[in-house]
Amino acid sequence: MIAPVPIITTLKVGIANYKEMKARALKAVRGEFRPSANGPNVWLKSTQSFAKALRVGNRELLQIIADRTPDLLDELARLTGRAKTRFLCTLKTMAGYGSFSWIKPSGVHRSP
């Protein structure tokens, strides 16, 4: 099941290359740096990555998840008319951005 998360009214995006992001994370882990509460919610490698994540198809997919709360990936595939393989990578990426969260049931089937 995909669980909607509280809507972020302002998404603050940081742009940095991998080396810079890693250095920042390591400083935070060592206690040398404390990220600001007003700092970026999401870090990306480029503005192109950000534009790709927010394209119309991805926003529509998230809207369907918010409106219909499908229990299984098969149900989401039916609702969107897209194959699971076509949106699974998108869902993993968007979950990393905090757009929604995965709920893993106990059992054999994986659900969003």
N, C-alpha and C. Protein backbone atom coordinates (compact mmCIF):
# COMPACT_ATOMS: atom_id res chain seq x y z
N MET A 1 0.84 -1.18 0.00
CA MET A 1 0.00 0.00 0.00
C MET A 1 0.89 1.24 0.00
N ILE A 2 0.48 2.24 -0.69
CA ILE A 2 1.18 3.51 -0.69
C ILE A 2 0.47 4.42 0.28
N ALA A 3 1.20 4.95 1.23
CA ALA A 3 0.59 5.84 2.20
C ALA A 3 0.93 7.28 1.85
N PRO A 4 -0.08 8.12 1.69
CA PRO A 4 0.22 9.53 1.44
C PRO A 4 0.93 10.14 2.64
N VAL A 5 1.86 11.01 2.39
CA VAL A 5 2.54 11.71 3.48
C VAL A 5 2.04 13.14 3.49
N PRO A 6 2.23 13.84 4.60
CA PRO A 6 1.79 15.24 4.62
C PRO A 6 2.38 16.01 3.44
N ILE A 7 1.58 16.84 2.84
CA ILE A 7 2.02 17.60 1.69
C ILE A 7 3.06 18.62 2.09
N ILE A 8 4.17 18.62 1.40
CA ILE A 8 5.21 19.60 1.63
C ILE A 8 4.83 20.82 0.80
N THR A 9 4.53 21.92 1.45
CA THR A 9 4.12 23.09 0.69
C THR A 9 5.31 23.74 0.00
N THR A 10 6.48 23.61 0.57
CA THR A 10 7.67 24.14 -0.04
C THR A 10 8.73 23.06 -0.08
N LEU A 11 9.15 22.70 -1.26
CA LEU A 11 10.22 21.73 -1.43
C LEU A 11 11.50 22.51 -1.66
N LYS A 12 12.43 22.35 -0.75
CA LYS A 12 13.71 23.05 -0.87
C LYS A 12 14.72 22.07 -1.43
N VAL A 13 15.26 22.40 -2.58
CA VAL A 13 16.16 21.50 -3.30
C VAL A 13 17.58 22.05 -3.27
N GLY A 14 18.51 21.19 -2.91
CA GLY A 14 19.92 21.53 -2.97
C GLY A 14 20.52 20.87 -4.20
N ILE A 15 21.38 21.58 -4.89
CA ILE A 15 22.06 21.04 -6.07
C ILE A 15 23.54 20.94 -5.75
N ALA A 16 24.08 19.74 -5.84
CA ALA A 16 25.51 19.54 -5.57
C ALA A 16 25.94 18.25 -6.26
N ASN A 17 27.23 18.17 -6.57
CA ASN A 17 27.70 16.91 -7.16
C ASN A 17 27.87 15.87 -6.05
N TYR A 18 28.11 14.64 -6.45
CA TYR A 18 28.19 13.53 -5.50
C TYR A 18 29.25 13.77 -4.43
N LYS A 19 30.40 14.25 -4.84
CA LYS A 19 31.49 14.48 -3.89
C LYS A 19 31.09 15.50 -2.82
N GLU A 20 30.42 16.57 -3.23
CA GLU A 20 29.98 17.59 -2.28
C GLU A 20 28.90 17.06 -1.34
N MET A 21 27.96 16.29 -1.88
CA MET A 21 26.90 15.71 -1.02
C MET A 21 27.50 14.75 0.00
N LYS A 22 28.46 13.94 -0.44
CA LYS A 22 29.09 12.97 0.47
C LYS A 22 29.85 13.69 1.57
N ALA A 23 30.61 14.74 1.21
CA ALA A 23 31.36 15.50 2.21
C ALA A 23 30.42 16.13 3.23
N ARG A 24 29.31 16.66 2.78
CA ARG A 24 28.32 17.28 3.68
C ARG A 24 27.74 16.23 4.64
N ALA A 25 27.38 15.07 4.09
CA ALA A 25 26.81 14.01 4.93
C ALA A 25 27.81 13.52 5.96
N LEU A 26 29.06 13.34 5.57
CA LEU A 26 30.07 12.87 6.51
C LEU A 26 30.32 13.90 7.62
N LYS A 27 30.33 15.18 7.29
CA LYS A 27 30.48 16.22 8.31
C LYS A 27 29.33 16.16 9.31
N ALA A 28 28.12 15.94 8.80
CA ALA A 28 26.95 15.85 9.68
C ALA A 28 27.05 14.64 10.59
N VAL A 29 27.50 13.52 10.05
CA VAL A 29 27.63 12.29 10.86
C VAL A 29 28.69 12.47 11.94
N ARG A 30 29.78 13.16 11.61
CA ARG A 30 30.86 13.38 12.58
C ARG A 30 30.51 14.48 13.59
N GLY A 31 29.40 15.17 13.38
CA GLY A 31 29.00 16.23 14.29
C GLY A 31 29.66 17.56 14.01
N GLU A 32 30.34 17.68 12.89
CA GLU A 32 31.02 18.92 12.53
C GLU A 32 30.07 19.93 11.88
N PHE A 33 28.91 19.45 11.52
CA PHE A 33 27.95 20.29 10.80
C PHE A 33 26.56 19.82 11.16
N ARG A 34 25.67 20.75 11.41
CA ARG A 34 24.28 20.40 11.69
C ARG A 34 23.41 21.05 10.63
N PRO A 35 22.74 20.22 9.81
CA PRO A 35 21.89 20.78 8.76
C PRO A 35 20.79 21.68 9.35
N SER A 36 20.54 22.77 8.70
CA SER A 36 19.52 23.71 9.13
C SER A 36 18.13 23.14 8.88
N ALA A 37 17.21 23.44 9.76
CA ALA A 37 15.82 23.04 9.56
C ALA A 37 15.23 23.73 8.34
N ASN A 38 15.79 24.86 7.96
CA ASN A 38 15.33 25.60 6.79
C ASN A 38 16.11 25.24 5.54
N GLY A 39 17.00 24.27 5.62
CA GLY A 39 17.82 23.86 4.48
C GLY A 39 17.05 22.96 3.52
N PRO A 40 17.73 22.48 2.51
CA PRO A 40 17.09 21.63 1.50
C PRO A 40 16.48 20.36 2.07
N ASN A 41 15.31 19.99 1.54
CA ASN A 41 14.66 18.72 1.89
C ASN A 41 15.23 17.59 1.03
N VAL A 42 15.66 17.95 -0.18
CA VAL A 42 16.11 17.00 -1.18
C VAL A 42 17.39 17.52 -1.81
N TRP A 43 18.33 16.59 -2.06
CA TRP A 43 19.56 16.96 -2.76
C TRP A 43 19.61 16.23 -4.09
N LEU A 44 19.94 16.96 -5.14
CA LEU A 44 20.04 16.39 -6.48
C LEU A 44 21.35 16.80 -7.12
N LYS A 45 21.74 16.05 -8.15
CA LYS A 45 23.01 16.33 -8.82
C LYS A 45 22.92 17.44 -9.84
N SER A 46 21.72 17.74 -10.33
CA SER A 46 21.60 18.78 -11.35
C SER A 46 20.18 19.31 -11.42
N THR A 47 20.01 20.46 -12.04
CA THR A 47 18.67 20.99 -12.25
C THR A 47 17.91 20.12 -13.24
N GLN A 48 18.63 19.43 -14.13
CA GLN A 48 17.97 18.52 -15.08
C GLN A 48 17.33 17.35 -14.34
N SER A 49 17.99 16.85 -13.30
CA SER A 49 17.42 15.77 -12.48
C SER A 49 16.12 16.22 -11.84
N PHE A 50 16.11 17.45 -11.35
CA PHE A 50 14.92 17.99 -10.71
C PHE A 50 13.78 18.13 -11.71
N ALA A 51 14.07 18.65 -12.90
CA ALA A 51 13.05 18.80 -13.94
C ALA A 51 12.49 17.44 -14.35
N LYS A 52 13.34 16.46 -14.45
CA LYS A 52 12.90 15.11 -14.83
C LYS A 52 11.96 14.52 -13.78
N ALA A 53 12.30 14.74 -12.51
CA ALA A 53 11.48 14.20 -11.42
C ALA A 53 10.09 14.84 -11.38
N LEU A 54 9.99 16.09 -11.79
CA LEU A 54 8.72 16.82 -11.71
C LEU A 54 7.95 16.89 -13.03
N ARG A 55 8.32 16.06 -13.98
CA ARG A 55 7.60 16.12 -15.25
C ARG A 55 6.14 15.68 -15.05
N VAL A 56 5.32 16.02 -16.00
CA VAL A 56 3.87 15.84 -15.89
C VAL A 56 3.47 14.41 -15.55
N GLY A 57 4.04 13.43 -16.21
CA GLY A 57 3.68 12.03 -15.95
C GLY A 57 3.92 11.61 -14.51
N ASN A 58 5.01 12.09 -13.94
CA ASN A 58 5.31 11.75 -12.54
C ASN A 58 4.35 12.44 -11.59
N ARG A 59 4.01 13.68 -11.88
CA ARG A 59 3.04 14.40 -11.03
C ARG A 59 1.68 13.72 -11.11
N GLU A 60 1.28 13.28 -12.29
CA GLU A 60 -0.01 12.58 -12.43
C GLU A 60 0.00 11.28 -11.65
N LEU A 61 1.11 10.55 -11.69
CA LEU A 61 1.24 9.30 -10.94
C LEU A 61 1.07 9.55 -9.45
N LEU A 62 1.72 10.57 -8.93
CA LEU A 62 1.59 10.90 -7.50
C LEU A 62 0.17 11.34 -7.16
N GLN A 63 -0.49 12.03 -8.07
CA GLN A 63 -1.87 12.45 -7.83
C GLN A 63 -2.80 11.25 -7.74
N ILE A 64 -2.60 10.26 -8.60
CA ILE A 64 -3.42 9.04 -8.55
C ILE A 64 -3.19 8.32 -7.22
N ILE A 65 -1.94 8.26 -6.77
CA ILE A 65 -1.64 7.62 -5.50
C ILE A 65 -2.34 8.35 -4.35
N ALA A 66 -2.30 9.69 -4.38
CA ALA A 66 -2.94 10.47 -3.32
C ALA A 66 -4.46 10.33 -3.34
N ASP A 67 -5.05 10.30 -4.53
CA ASP A 67 -6.51 10.25 -4.65
C ASP A 67 -7.08 8.86 -4.41
N ARG A 68 -6.43 7.84 -4.92
CA ARG A 68 -7.00 6.49 -4.93
C ARG A 68 -6.38 5.54 -3.91
N THR A 69 -5.22 5.85 -3.36
CA THR A 69 -4.46 5.01 -2.44
C THR A 69 -4.54 3.52 -2.80
N PRO A 70 -3.91 3.14 -3.91
CA PRO A 70 -3.95 1.73 -4.33
C PRO A 70 -3.21 0.83 -3.35
N ASP A 71 -3.71 -0.39 -3.19
CA ASP A 71 -3.11 -1.33 -2.25
C ASP A 71 -1.95 -2.12 -2.86
N LEU A 72 -1.97 -2.33 -4.17
CA LEU A 72 -0.95 -3.12 -4.82
C LEU A 72 -0.44 -2.43 -6.07
N LEU A 73 0.77 -2.80 -6.47
CA LEU A 73 1.32 -2.25 -7.71
C LEU A 73 0.46 -2.62 -8.91
N ASP A 74 -0.12 -3.83 -8.88
CA ASP A 74 -1.00 -4.24 -9.98
C ASP A 74 -2.20 -3.30 -10.11
N GLU A 75 -2.74 -2.88 -8.98
CA GLU A 75 -3.87 -1.95 -9.00
C GLU A 75 -3.44 -0.59 -9.54
N LEU A 76 -2.26 -0.14 -9.15
CA LEU A 76 -1.75 1.13 -9.65
C LEU A 76 -1.50 1.04 -11.16
N ALA A 77 -1.00 -0.09 -11.62
CA ALA A 77 -0.79 -0.29 -13.06
C ALA A 77 -2.12 -0.20 -13.80
N ARG A 78 -3.16 -0.80 -13.24
CA ARG A 78 -4.49 -0.74 -13.86
C ARG A 78 -5.02 0.69 -13.89
N LEU A 79 -4.86 1.42 -12.79
CA LEU A 79 -5.36 2.79 -12.71
C LEU A 79 -4.64 3.74 -13.67
N THR A 80 -3.35 3.51 -13.87
CA THR A 80 -2.57 4.40 -14.73
C THR A 80 -2.50 3.95 -16.18
N GLY A 81 -2.79 2.68 -16.42
CA GLY A 81 -2.66 2.15 -17.77
C GLY A 81 -1.20 1.94 -18.16
N ARG A 82 -0.31 1.92 -17.19
CA ARG A 82 1.12 1.73 -17.44
C ARG A 82 1.58 0.41 -16.85
N ALA A 83 2.60 -0.17 -17.45
CA ALA A 83 3.19 -1.41 -16.93
C ALA A 83 3.94 -1.10 -15.64
N LYS A 84 3.95 -2.06 -14.71
CA LYS A 84 4.62 -1.87 -13.43
C LYS A 84 6.08 -1.47 -13.62
N THR A 85 6.74 -2.12 -14.56
CA THR A 85 8.16 -1.83 -14.77
C THR A 85 8.38 -0.39 -15.19
N ARG A 86 7.37 0.23 -15.82
CA ARG A 86 7.52 1.60 -16.30
C ARG A 86 7.46 2.63 -15.17
N PHE A 87 6.79 2.31 -14.08
CA PHE A 87 6.69 3.31 -13.01
C PHE A 87 7.39 2.91 -11.72
N LEU A 88 7.90 1.70 -11.63
CA LEU A 88 8.53 1.26 -10.38
C LEU A 88 9.77 2.09 -10.05
N CYS A 89 10.63 2.35 -11.03
CA CYS A 89 11.81 3.19 -10.79
C CYS A 89 11.39 4.60 -10.37
N THR A 90 10.37 5.12 -11.03
CA THR A 90 9.87 6.45 -10.68
C THR A 90 9.40 6.47 -9.24
N LEU A 91 8.67 5.44 -8.82
CA LEU A 91 8.17 5.39 -7.45
C LEU A 91 9.32 5.32 -6.44
N LYS A 92 10.33 4.55 -6.74
CA LYS A 92 11.47 4.45 -5.83
C LYS A 92 12.16 5.80 -5.69
N THR A 93 12.33 6.49 -6.80
CA THR A 93 12.96 7.81 -6.76
C THR A 93 12.11 8.80 -5.98
N MET A 94 10.81 8.84 -6.27
CA MET A 94 9.92 9.78 -5.61
C MET A 94 9.80 9.48 -4.12
N ALA A 95 9.85 8.20 -3.74
CA ALA A 95 9.83 7.85 -2.32
C ALA A 95 11.07 8.41 -1.63
N GLY A 96 12.19 8.38 -2.33
CA GLY A 96 13.42 8.96 -1.79
C GLY A 96 13.31 10.45 -1.56
N TYR A 97 12.49 11.12 -2.35
CA TYR A 97 12.27 12.56 -2.20
C TYR A 97 11.26 12.86 -1.11
N GLY A 98 10.61 11.82 -0.58
CA GLY A 98 9.61 12.04 0.47
C GLY A 98 8.22 12.32 -0.08
N SER A 99 7.99 12.00 -1.35
CA SER A 99 6.68 12.26 -1.96
C SER A 99 5.61 11.32 -1.44
N PHE A 100 6.00 10.11 -1.06
CA PHE A 100 5.08 9.15 -0.46
C PHE A 100 5.93 8.13 0.26
N SER A 101 5.29 7.21 0.97
CA SER A 101 6.06 6.18 1.66
C SER A 101 5.50 4.81 1.30
N TRP A 102 6.38 3.81 1.35
CA TRP A 102 6.00 2.44 1.07
C TRP A 102 5.50 1.80 2.35
N ILE A 103 4.50 0.96 2.24
CA ILE A 103 4.06 0.13 3.36
C ILE A 103 4.24 -1.30 2.92
N LYS A 104 5.10 -2.03 3.63
CA LYS A 104 5.37 -3.40 3.26
C LYS A 104 4.56 -4.33 4.14
N PRO A 105 3.61 -5.04 3.54
CA PRO A 105 2.81 -5.99 4.33
C PRO A 105 3.63 -7.25 4.61
N SER A 106 3.25 -7.99 5.64
CA SER A 106 3.92 -9.26 5.87
C SER A 106 3.29 -10.27 4.92
N GLY A 107 4.09 -10.90 4.13
CA GLY A 107 3.58 -11.84 3.15
C GLY A 107 4.46 -11.86 1.93
N VAL A 108 3.99 -12.54 0.91
CA VAL A 108 4.78 -12.76 -0.29
C VAL A 108 4.76 -11.55 -1.22
N HIS A 109 3.62 -10.89 -1.36
CA HIS A 109 3.48 -9.82 -2.33
C HIS A 109 4.01 -8.50 -1.80
N ARG A 110 4.65 -7.79 -2.69
CA ARG A 110 5.13 -6.45 -2.35
C ARG A 110 4.09 -5.44 -2.80
N SER A 111 3.79 -4.51 -1.96
CA SER A 111 2.82 -3.50 -2.34
C SER A 111 3.41 -2.11 -2.14
N PRO A 112 2.95 -1.13 -2.93
CA PRO A 112 3.48 0.21 -2.81
C PRO A 112 3.03 0.91 -1.55
